[in-house]
Amino acid sequence: MIKKWREALLRYEGQAENSAVATDLKNMMPGMMVEQIAAVLLENVNIFVMGFISTAAIAGVGQINTVNNVLMNLLQAFAIGGTVLVGQYAGAAKKKEAAGSAFSALFLGGLVSLLVTALVWLFRENVVMLLFGQAETDVIENSLAYFKFTALTPPLWFLYFQCCGFMRSAGDTRRPMYISIVLNVSSMVLNLLFALGMHLGVTGSAMAYLISVGIAAVLSLGMVLRKDFAFCPTKTSGKTMGVNLRKISGIAFPSSVENLMFNGSRIVLQIFLAGMGKAMISANSVFNSVNGIFNVPVMALYYLTIPVISRCAGEHDRGKLVKALRYISRKTLVWSIPVALAHILLSVPGAYIFSRDPEVIRIGAGMLVIYAFFALFQNGSFILPNGFKSVGDAKFAMVLSSATAWIIRVLGTWFLGVKLGFGAYAIALTQGIDSAVRACVYTIRYKRGTWLITMFGNTKA
């Protein structure tokens, strides 16, 4: 029976007609899975440690984690431009061009990330008071102490994401996996040492975060600068670099705007939560943490979509592109079924890992159950747009995600959560509805073939 079910699933996914892509995923998936587990641990270790200090510490760190995640995801989205271009050249077997585009990507991203960091760090106190000024005094104090250090991480995050993107474009997920393990081990050890062992609390946790990301950035850069790396960044002529920068910018900036608008809406939601009390703030942090753990398999496919589809795009085979993206999307849908079940069956024990407060556990578990019913839309809402970006179609996702984030998530949460009093439950509900709407629109775009216009110039086969 199990064998028949497996064969049916493989036929549905289309593995037979996507053997090359399936082999790529099979080879890269173990490393990416470990990397995603490590990423989730990194994101949640601070919340876990704060759970032993106080609810105010959880709330304060949770608030700034929202801002940190926006900054981190912003730089990760910006790195997509370089990853796509290197991946396309890799697929076309143009190593020299790939190396030149890697240098251009590091140059452009380095400047942007340094500028972002300078602005954020200088105005960090204003940012905290503007966004979370309604929160209790002890929560704000913890937020300020934490943000003083973590606001310095954007350039480090960019180096880590961009260099790992280059390695994945070369088919290497082993080294990024090892680096992510080092990142997490150092984060956990330093967190325990500084926050609990040396009794530095929130400040110690922030120091651990900064140092750990710095270690990962240095290791990642070292891996791509080694002479035997296939696409070792190489300086090119000014003309070639200008062409590369335009191509990278055409994907990087729309992706960044999309990510900023999408994740920036979470900051507005955090503002709503700031006036609802520590329990609601902490429950939202717990929800995000547990949701991240359950979605590790889906997120692994999400991050592999760009290097895999970019390499297919480099071959300029329209049919292969369409089938490859469909294969990854359907595989994600299959994997989303146990993810949805986990949200329901493991909601309470999952919430208990991050909090001992009964009210926080009750609210966090309720949010997980609500979101479970929308988990099956993740293939359409996350995988398809990444596939589109891999062929240079980034602007549509920027417009759609920005619109749904603010109309559905922000306005929906304001109406349901603030006006009708549903609190944090409204965040889980509107997040799910947003995912469903985007999945439907992206699926229509995929089937019509309009996402291929940027590369092939028309929608006809």
Protein backbone atom coordinates (compact mmCIF):
# COMPACT_ATOMS: atom_id res chain seq x y z
CA MET A 1 0.00 0.00 0.00
CA ILE A 2 2.76 2.43 0.98
CA LYS A 3 4.65 1.63 -2.22
CA LYS A 4 1.56 2.36 -4.33
CA TRP A 5 1.00 5.66 -2.54
CA ARG A 6 4.60 6.65 -3.13
CA GLU A 7 4.41 5.78 -6.81
CA ALA A 8 1.19 7.80 -7.15
CA LEU A 9 2.81 10.81 -5.48
CA LEU A 10 5.85 10.60 -7.75
CA ARG A 11 3.60 10.50 -10.81
CA TYR A 12 1.68 13.52 -9.52
CA GLU A 13 4.91 15.44 -8.92
CA GLY A 14 6.18 14.53 -12.39
CA GLN A 15 9.50 13.09 -11.30
CA ALA A 16 9.98 10.92 -14.42
CA GLU A 17 9.94 13.92 -16.80
CA ASN A 18 12.08 16.01 -14.46
CA SER A 19 14.82 13.54 -13.66
CA ALA A 20 17.64 16.10 -13.86
CA VAL A 21 15.85 18.54 -11.52
CA ALA A 22 14.88 15.69 -9.21
CA THR A 23 18.53 14.62 -9.04
CA ASP A 24 19.59 18.20 -8.28
CA LEU A 25 17.06 18.42 -5.45
CA LYS A 26 18.02 15.00 -4.11
CA ASN A 27 21.69 15.99 -3.96
CA MET A 28 21.08 19.46 -2.53
CA MET A 29 18.16 18.77 -0.19
CA PRO A 30 20.04 17.13 2.74
CA GLY A 31 22.37 20.10 3.06
CA MET A 32 19.55 22.59 2.71
CA MET A 33 17.39 20.76 5.26
CA VAL A 34 20.19 20.89 7.81
CA GLU A 35 20.77 24.54 6.95
CA GLN A 36 17.09 25.38 7.47
CA ILE A 37 16.99 23.56 10.78
CA ALA A 38 20.05 25.54 11.79
CA ALA A 39 18.42 28.79 10.61
CA VAL A 40 15.31 28.10 12.66
CA LEU A 41 17.42 27.33 15.72
CA LEU A 42 19.31 30.59 15.27
CA GLU A 43 16.10 32.58 15.01
CA ASN A 44 14.57 30.91 18.04
CA VAL A 45 17.47 30.37 20.41
CA ASN A 46 17.17 33.94 21.71
CA ILE A 47 13.45 33.54 22.38
CA PHE A 48 14.14 30.20 24.07
CA VAL A 49 16.81 31.69 26.34
CA MET A 50 14.61 34.71 27.15
CA GLY A 51 11.92 32.29 28.27
CA PHE A 52 14.09 31.56 31.31
CA ILE A 53 14.42 35.27 32.14
CA SER A 54 10.99 36.91 31.90
CA THR A 55 7.91 37.49 29.75
CA ALA A 56 9.09 41.10 29.28
CA ALA A 57 12.39 39.79 27.90
CA ILE A 58 10.54 37.52 25.44
CA ALA A 59 8.35 40.43 24.36
CA GLY A 60 11.28 42.85 24.00
CA VAL A 61 13.42 40.45 22.00
CA GLY A 62 10.36 39.37 20.00
CA GLN A 63 9.63 42.95 18.98
CA ILE A 64 13.19 43.57 17.77
CA ASN A 65 13.32 40.14 16.11
CA THR A 66 10.49 41.40 13.93
CA VAL A 67 12.64 44.35 12.86
CA ASN A 68 15.75 42.18 12.55
CA ASN A 69 13.88 39.71 10.37
CA VAL A 70 12.76 42.54 8.09
CA LEU A 71 16.36 43.70 7.71
CA MET A 72 17.68 40.17 7.32
CA ASN A 73 15.07 39.22 4.73
CA LEU A 74 15.63 42.52 2.92
CA LEU A 75 19.30 41.69 2.38
CA GLN A 76 18.48 38.08 1.57
CA ALA A 77 16.04 39.28 -1.10
CA PHE A 78 18.65 41.65 -2.47
CA ALA A 79 21.07 38.74 -2.77
CA ILE A 80 18.59 36.99 -5.09
CA GLY A 81 19.75 39.21 -7.96
CA GLY A 82 23.32 37.96 -7.78
CA THR A 83 22.25 34.37 -7.17
CA VAL A 84 19.97 34.35 -10.23
CA LEU A 85 22.57 35.84 -12.57
CA VAL A 86 25.33 33.49 -11.40
CA GLY A 87 22.90 30.56 -11.64
CA GLN A 88 21.93 31.43 -15.21
CA TYR A 89 25.57 31.67 -16.28
CA ALA A 90 26.25 28.40 -14.46
CA GLY A 91 23.45 26.71 -16.39
CA ALA A 92 24.92 28.06 -19.62
CA ALA A 93 28.39 26.78 -18.61
CA LYS A 94 29.86 30.33 -18.71
CA LYS A 95 32.21 30.28 -15.72
CA LYS A 96 34.04 33.51 -16.54
CA GLU A 97 30.79 35.48 -16.80
CA ALA A 98 29.53 33.87 -13.59
CA ALA A 99 32.67 34.94 -11.73
CA GLY A 100 32.32 38.49 -13.03
CA SER A 101 28.67 38.71 -12.01
CA ALA A 102 29.59 37.41 -8.54
CA PHE A 103 32.04 40.30 -8.07
CA SER A 104 29.43 42.81 -9.26
CA ALA A 105 26.84 41.40 -6.86
CA LEU A 106 29.18 41.65 -3.86
CA PHE A 107 30.12 45.22 -4.78
CA LEU A 108 26.54 46.43 -5.16
CA GLY A 109 25.17 44.55 -2.15
CA GLY A 110 28.04 45.65 0.05
CA LEU A 111 27.31 49.33 -0.61
CA VAL A 112 23.56 48.93 -0.09
CA SER A 113 23.92 46.93 3.14
CA LEU A 114 26.38 49.41 4.66
CA LEU A 115 24.04 52.29 3.91
CA VAL A 116 21.09 50.46 5.47
CA THR A 117 23.11 49.67 8.59
CA ALA A 118 24.30 53.25 9.06
CA LEU A 119 20.75 54.60 8.91
CA VAL A 120 19.25 51.92 11.16
CA TRP A 121 21.93 52.12 13.85
CA LEU A 122 21.92 55.93 14.04
CA PHE A 123 18.14 56.08 14.41
CA ARG A 124 17.60 52.84 16.34
CA GLU A 125 16.10 54.50 19.44
CA ASN A 126 13.72 56.55 17.31
CA VAL A 127 12.69 53.38 15.47
CA VAL A 128 11.92 51.52 18.70
CA MET A 129 9.91 54.39 20.20
CA LEU A 130 8.05 55.02 16.96
CA LEU A 131 7.10 51.40 16.48
CA PHE A 132 6.73 50.07 20.00
CA GLY A 133 6.27 53.14 22.20
CA GLN A 134 2.91 51.83 23.44
CA ALA A 135 4.49 48.76 25.03
CA GLU A 136 5.27 48.55 28.76
CA THR A 137 8.43 50.27 29.98
CA ASP A 138 10.30 47.04 30.76
CA VAL A 139 9.53 45.69 27.28
CA ILE A 140 10.88 48.85 25.63
CA GLU A 141 14.05 48.74 27.78
CA ASN A 142 14.73 45.17 26.66
CA SER A 143 14.08 46.10 23.03
CA LEU A 144 16.56 49.00 23.13
CA ALA A 145 19.26 46.89 24.77
CA TYR A 146 18.85 44.13 22.18
CA PHE A 147 18.67 46.40 19.13
CA LYS A 148 21.87 48.27 20.04
CA PHE A 149 23.91 45.28 18.86
CA THR A 150 21.67 43.50 16.37
CA ALA A 151 21.24 46.66 14.26
CA LEU A 152 24.85 46.18 13.12
CA THR A 153 24.24 42.85 11.37
CA PRO A 154 22.81 43.72 7.87
CA PRO A 155 26.20 43.75 6.00
CA LEU A 156 27.12 40.48 7.67
CA TRP A 157 23.80 38.92 6.70
CA PHE A 158 24.26 40.07 3.10
CA LEU A 159 27.71 38.48 2.81
CA TYR A 160 26.37 35.25 4.29
CA PHE A 161 23.30 35.05 2.02
CA GLN A 162 25.05 36.17 -1.16
CA CYS A 163 28.05 33.88 -0.80
CA CYS A 164 25.85 30.90 0.09
CA GLY A 165 23.74 31.75 -2.96
CA PHE A 166 26.84 31.55 -5.15
CA MET A 167 27.71 28.15 -3.69
CA ARG A 168 24.20 26.81 -4.27
CA SER A 169 24.30 28.06 -7.87
CA ALA A 170 27.36 25.83 -8.24
CA GLY A 171 25.33 22.92 -6.84
CA ASP A 172 27.10 23.04 -3.47
CA THR A 173 24.85 22.95 -0.40
CA ARG A 174 27.39 21.11 1.75
CA ARG A 175 29.55 24.11 2.61
CA PRO A 176 26.60 26.44 3.35
CA MET A 177 25.28 23.66 5.60
CA TYR A 178 28.53 23.50 7.56
CA ILE A 179 28.64 27.28 7.88
CA SER A 180 25.06 27.37 9.16
CA ILE A 181 25.93 24.72 11.74
CA VAL A 182 28.89 26.80 12.93
CA LEU A 183 26.61 29.84 13.04
CA ASN A 184 24.08 28.06 15.22
CA VAL A 185 26.49 26.30 17.51
CA SER A 186 28.29 29.58 18.18
CA SER A 187 24.96 31.34 18.73
CA MET A 188 23.74 28.77 21.24
CA VAL A 189 27.05 28.55 23.12
CA LEU A 190 27.50 32.31 23.28
CA ASN A 191 23.87 32.83 24.25
CA LEU A 192 24.15 30.46 27.17
CA LEU A 193 27.52 31.94 28.15
CA PHE A 194 26.63 35.63 27.89
CA ALA A 195 22.90 35.72 28.69
CA LEU A 196 22.69 33.06 31.42
CA GLY A 197 26.25 32.19 32.47
CA MET A 198 27.48 35.79 32.75
CA HIS A 199 24.01 37.10 33.64
CA LEU A 200 24.03 39.70 30.87
CA GLY A 201 20.44 38.91 29.93
CA VAL A 202 19.13 40.58 26.77
CA THR A 203 22.43 42.37 26.13
CA GLY A 204 24.34 39.09 26.24
CA SER A 205 21.90 37.51 23.82
CA ALA A 206 22.32 40.44 21.41
CA MET A 207 26.12 40.17 21.59
CA ALA A 208 25.90 36.45 20.83
CA TYR A 209 23.69 37.18 17.81
CA LEU A 210 26.12 39.77 16.37
CA ILE A 211 29.27 37.69 16.89
CA SER A 212 27.69 34.53 15.46
CA VAL A 213 26.51 36.24 12.27
CA GLY A 214 29.96 37.81 11.91
CA ILE A 215 31.61 34.39 12.07
CA ALA A 216 29.22 33.05 9.40
CA ALA A 217 29.88 36.04 7.11
CA VAL A 218 33.67 35.62 7.30
CA LEU A 219 33.46 31.87 6.65
CA SER A 220 31.08 32.32 3.69
CA LEU A 221 33.26 34.95 2.06
CA GLY A 222 36.30 32.76 2.55
CA MET A 223 34.60 29.85 0.80
CA VAL A 224 33.83 31.82 -2.38
CA LEU A 225 37.21 33.57 -2.48
CA ARG A 226 39.15 30.32 -2.50
CA LYS A 227 40.91 29.68 -5.81
CA ASP A 228 39.25 26.34 -6.52
CA PHE A 229 35.70 27.75 -6.28
CA ALA A 230 34.13 27.57 -9.75
CA PHE A 231 32.77 31.12 -9.67
CA CYS A 232 35.36 32.90 -7.52
CA PRO A 233 34.44 36.64 -7.75
CA THR A 234 36.64 38.26 -10.40
CA LYS A 235 36.80 41.94 -11.27
CA THR A 236 35.76 42.70 -14.85
CA SER A 237 35.89 45.72 -17.16
CA GLY A 238 33.76 48.73 -16.31
CA LYS A 239 31.44 48.06 -19.24
CA THR A 240 30.84 44.44 -18.28
CA MET A 241 30.34 45.37 -14.66
CA GLY A 242 27.80 47.99 -15.67
CA VAL A 243 25.83 45.39 -17.62
CA ASN A 244 25.98 42.99 -14.67
CA LEU A 245 24.86 45.67 -12.22
CA ARG A 246 21.84 46.51 -14.39
CA LYS A 247 20.83 42.85 -14.64
CA ILE A 248 21.33 42.28 -10.91
CA SER A 249 19.47 45.48 -10.02
CA GLY A 250 16.54 44.46 -12.23
CA ILE A 251 15.93 41.52 -9.90
CA ALA A 252 17.51 42.63 -6.62
CA PHE A 253 15.69 45.92 -6.13
CA PRO A 254 12.16 44.68 -7.00
CA SER A 255 12.74 41.63 -4.79
CA SER A 256 13.94 43.88 -1.96
CA VAL A 257 10.98 46.23 -2.29
CA GLU A 258 8.62 43.25 -2.31
CA ASN A 259 10.31 41.84 0.77
CA LEU A 260 10.40 45.19 2.54
CA MET A 261 6.70 45.82 1.92
CA PHE A 262 5.78 42.24 2.79
CA ASN A 263 7.84 41.96 5.95
CA GLY A 264 7.47 45.63 6.79
CA SER A 265 3.78 44.94 7.28
CA ARG A 266 4.83 42.67 10.16
CA ILE A 267 6.26 45.69 11.95
CA VAL A 268 2.89 47.40 11.69
CA LEU A 269 1.30 44.26 13.12
CA GLN A 270 3.82 44.43 15.96
CA ILE A 271 2.67 48.00 16.59
CA PHE A 272 -0.89 46.71 16.93
CA LEU A 273 0.35 44.05 19.34
CA ALA A 274 2.29 46.57 21.43
CA GLY A 275 -0.96 47.90 22.80
CA MET A 276 -2.41 44.46 23.55
CA GLY A 277 -0.06 43.48 26.38
CA LYS A 278 2.90 41.18 26.94
CA ALA A 279 0.94 37.96 26.54
CA MET A 280 -0.19 38.79 22.99
CA ILE A 281 3.28 40.02 21.98
CA SER A 282 4.93 36.90 23.38
CA ALA A 283 2.31 34.58 21.83
CA ASN A 284 2.99 36.05 18.40
CA SER A 285 6.72 35.40 18.89
CA VAL A 286 5.92 31.83 19.92
CA PHE A 287 3.68 31.37 16.88
CA ASN A 288 6.38 32.61 14.50
CA SER A 289 8.99 30.37 16.14
CA VAL A 290 6.94 27.16 16.06
CA ASN A 291 5.61 27.91 12.58
CA GLY A 292 9.20 28.25 11.41
CA ILE A 293 10.12 24.86 12.86
CA PHE A 294 7.19 23.06 11.26
CA ASN A 295 7.90 24.66 7.87
CA VAL A 296 11.55 23.59 7.62
CA PRO A 297 10.92 21.14 4.69
CA VAL A 298 8.87 23.70 2.76
CA MET A 299 11.44 26.44 3.31
CA ALA A 300 14.22 24.13 2.13
CA LEU A 301 12.41 23.77 -1.21
CA TYR A 302 11.71 27.51 -1.21
CA TYR A 303 15.41 28.39 -1.04
CA LEU A 304 16.43 25.73 -3.56
CA THR A 305 13.92 26.94 -6.15
CA ILE A 306 16.02 29.91 -7.25
CA PRO A 307 19.36 28.15 -7.87
CA VAL A 308 17.68 25.13 -9.49
CA ILE A 309 15.34 27.10 -11.77
CA SER A 310 18.04 29.69 -12.54
CA ARG A 311 20.28 26.95 -13.85
CA CYS A 312 17.42 25.65 -16.00
CA ALA A 313 16.89 29.20 -17.28
CA GLY A 314 20.53 29.33 -18.34
CA GLU A 315 19.79 26.48 -20.76
CA HIS A 316 17.00 28.53 -22.41
CA ASP A 317 14.73 25.50 -22.65
CA ARG A 318 11.18 26.79 -22.22
CA GLY A 319 9.56 23.39 -21.81
CA LYS A 320 12.07 22.25 -19.21
CA LEU A 321 11.56 25.47 -17.24
CA VAL A 322 7.78 25.06 -17.08
CA LYS A 323 7.98 21.40 -16.06
CA ALA A 324 10.74 22.01 -13.52
CA LEU A 325 8.83 24.74 -11.69
CA ARG A 326 5.67 22.63 -11.72
CA TYR A 327 7.62 19.71 -10.26
CA ILE A 328 9.00 21.75 -7.35
CA SER A 329 5.60 23.34 -6.73
CA ARG A 330 3.79 20.00 -6.60
CA LYS A 331 6.46 18.46 -4.38
CA THR A 332 6.01 21.39 -1.99
CA LEU A 333 2.25 20.79 -1.93
CA VAL A 334 2.79 17.13 -1.04
CA TRP A 335 5.19 18.08 1.76
CA SER A 336 2.77 20.72 3.05
CA ILE A 337 0.23 18.09 4.12
CA PRO A 338 2.24 16.77 7.12
CA VAL A 339 3.23 20.37 7.88
CA ALA A 340 -0.43 21.32 8.20
CA LEU A 341 -1.12 18.32 10.43
CA ALA A 342 1.81 19.24 12.67
CA HIS A 343 0.33 22.71 13.18
CA ILE A 344 -2.79 21.07 14.61
CA LEU A 345 -1.48 18.04 16.48
CA LEU A 346 1.66 19.60 17.95
CA SER A 347 0.44 23.14 18.58
CA VAL A 348 0.40 22.96 22.39
CA PRO A 349 3.72 21.12 22.94
CA GLY A 350 5.30 23.33 20.28
CA ALA A 351 4.20 26.49 22.10
CA TYR A 352 5.35 25.07 25.45
CA ILE A 353 8.92 24.86 24.17
CA PHE A 354 9.15 28.65 24.03
CA SER A 355 7.02 29.75 27.00
CA ARG A 356 5.92 28.60 30.44
CA ASP A 357 3.10 31.15 30.63
CA PRO A 358 -0.28 29.33 30.26
CA GLU A 359 -1.92 32.31 28.55
CA VAL A 360 0.91 32.67 26.04
CA ILE A 361 0.78 28.93 25.30
CA ARG A 362 -3.00 29.04 24.79
CA ILE A 363 -2.88 31.98 22.37
CA GLY A 364 0.18 30.72 20.48
CA ALA A 365 -1.31 27.24 20.04
CA GLY A 366 -4.58 28.75 18.81
CA MET A 367 -2.72 30.78 16.19
CA LEU A 368 -0.96 27.64 14.95
CA VAL A 369 -4.25 25.78 14.53
CA ILE A 370 -5.76 28.68 12.60
CA TYR A 371 -2.83 28.85 10.20
CA ALA A 372 -2.83 25.09 9.64
CA PHE A 373 -5.77 25.36 7.26
CA PHE A 374 -3.80 27.65 4.94
CA ALA A 375 -0.50 25.74 4.93
CA LEU A 376 -1.49 23.95 1.71
CA PHE A 377 -1.26 27.22 -0.25
CA GLN A 378 2.46 27.65 0.38
CA ASN A 379 3.54 26.09 -2.91
CA GLY A 380 1.63 28.72 -4.85
CA SER A 381 2.43 31.68 -2.62
CA PHE A 382 6.17 31.05 -2.15
CA ILE A 383 7.56 28.57 -4.70
CA LEU A 384 6.00 29.99 -7.87
CA PRO A 385 7.18 33.61 -7.38
CA ASN A 386 10.73 32.38 -6.70
CA GLY A 387 10.57 30.50 -9.97
CA PHE A 388 9.39 33.64 -11.72
CA LYS A 389 12.32 35.64 -10.33
CA SER A 390 14.72 33.01 -11.62
CA VAL A 391 13.89 34.10 -15.18
CA GLY A 392 13.93 37.82 -14.35
CA ASP A 393 10.20 38.26 -13.66
CA ALA A 394 10.45 40.09 -10.32
CA LYS A 395 8.24 43.18 -10.64
CA PHE A 396 4.91 41.35 -10.65
CA ALA A 397 5.66 39.68 -7.32
CA MET A 398 6.75 43.04 -5.91
CA VAL A 399 3.39 44.64 -6.74
CA LEU A 400 1.20 41.71 -5.72
CA SER A 401 2.91 40.89 -2.43
CA SER A 402 3.04 44.54 -1.42
CA ALA A 403 -0.66 44.98 -2.12
CA THR A 404 -1.87 41.85 -0.34
CA ALA A 405 0.43 42.40 2.65
CA TRP A 406 -1.01 45.81 3.39
CA ILE A 407 -4.61 45.26 2.31
CA ILE A 408 -5.14 41.78 3.77
CA ARG A 409 -2.59 41.52 6.59
CA VAL A 410 -2.45 45.07 7.90
CA LEU A 411 -6.00 46.29 7.31
CA GLY A 412 -7.41 42.85 8.07
CA THR A 413 -5.54 42.60 11.37
CA TRP A 414 -6.48 46.17 12.30
CA PHE A 415 -10.16 45.41 11.73
CA LEU A 416 -10.29 41.89 13.19
CA GLY A 417 -7.57 42.17 15.82
CA VAL A 418 -7.91 45.73 17.06
CA LYS A 419 -11.46 46.79 16.31
CA LEU A 420 -13.22 43.45 16.84
CA GLY A 421 -10.86 42.37 19.64
CA PHE A 422 -9.56 39.08 18.21
CA GLY A 423 -6.01 40.09 19.13
CA ALA A 424 -3.11 37.99 17.88
CA TYR A 425 -5.47 35.37 16.44
CA ALA A 426 -6.22 37.84 13.64
CA ILE A 427 -2.55 37.82 12.60
CA ALA A 428 -2.57 34.08 11.94
CA LEU A 429 -5.89 34.31 10.08
CA THR A 430 -4.92 37.20 7.81
CA GLN A 431 -1.50 35.66 7.16
CA GLY A 432 -3.24 32.52 5.93
CA ILE A 433 -5.76 34.41 3.78
CA ASP A 434 -2.94 36.45 2.26
CA SER A 435 -1.07 33.26 1.36
CA ALA A 436 -4.20 31.78 -0.27
CA VAL A 437 -4.90 34.87 -2.37
CA ARG A 438 -1.33 35.14 -3.62
CA ALA A 439 -1.28 31.42 -4.43
CA CYS A 440 -4.34 31.76 -6.63
CA VAL A 441 -2.98 34.77 -8.54
CA TYR A 442 0.50 33.27 -9.02
CA THR A 443 -1.02 29.98 -10.23
CA ILE A 444 -3.00 31.85 -12.88
CA ARG A 445 0.16 33.67 -13.99
CA TYR A 446 2.06 30.40 -14.17
CA LYS A 447 -0.59 28.66 -16.28
CA ARG A 448 -0.86 31.60 -18.68
CA GLY A 449 2.91 31.63 -19.14
CA THR A 450 3.21 35.41 -18.72
CA TRP A 451 6.10 34.90 -16.29
CA LEU A 452 8.22 33.73 -19.25
CA ILE A 453 7.90 36.97 -21.27
CA THR A 454 11.02 38.50 -19.72
CA MET A 455 13.19 35.67 -21.01
CA PHE A 456 11.41 34.43 -24.14
CA GLY A 457 9.52 37.51 -25.26
CA ASN A 458 6.09 35.83 -25.71
CA THR A 459 3.70 33.44 -23.98
CA LYS A 460 3.36 30.94 -26.81
CA ALA A 461 5.07 27.57 -26.67
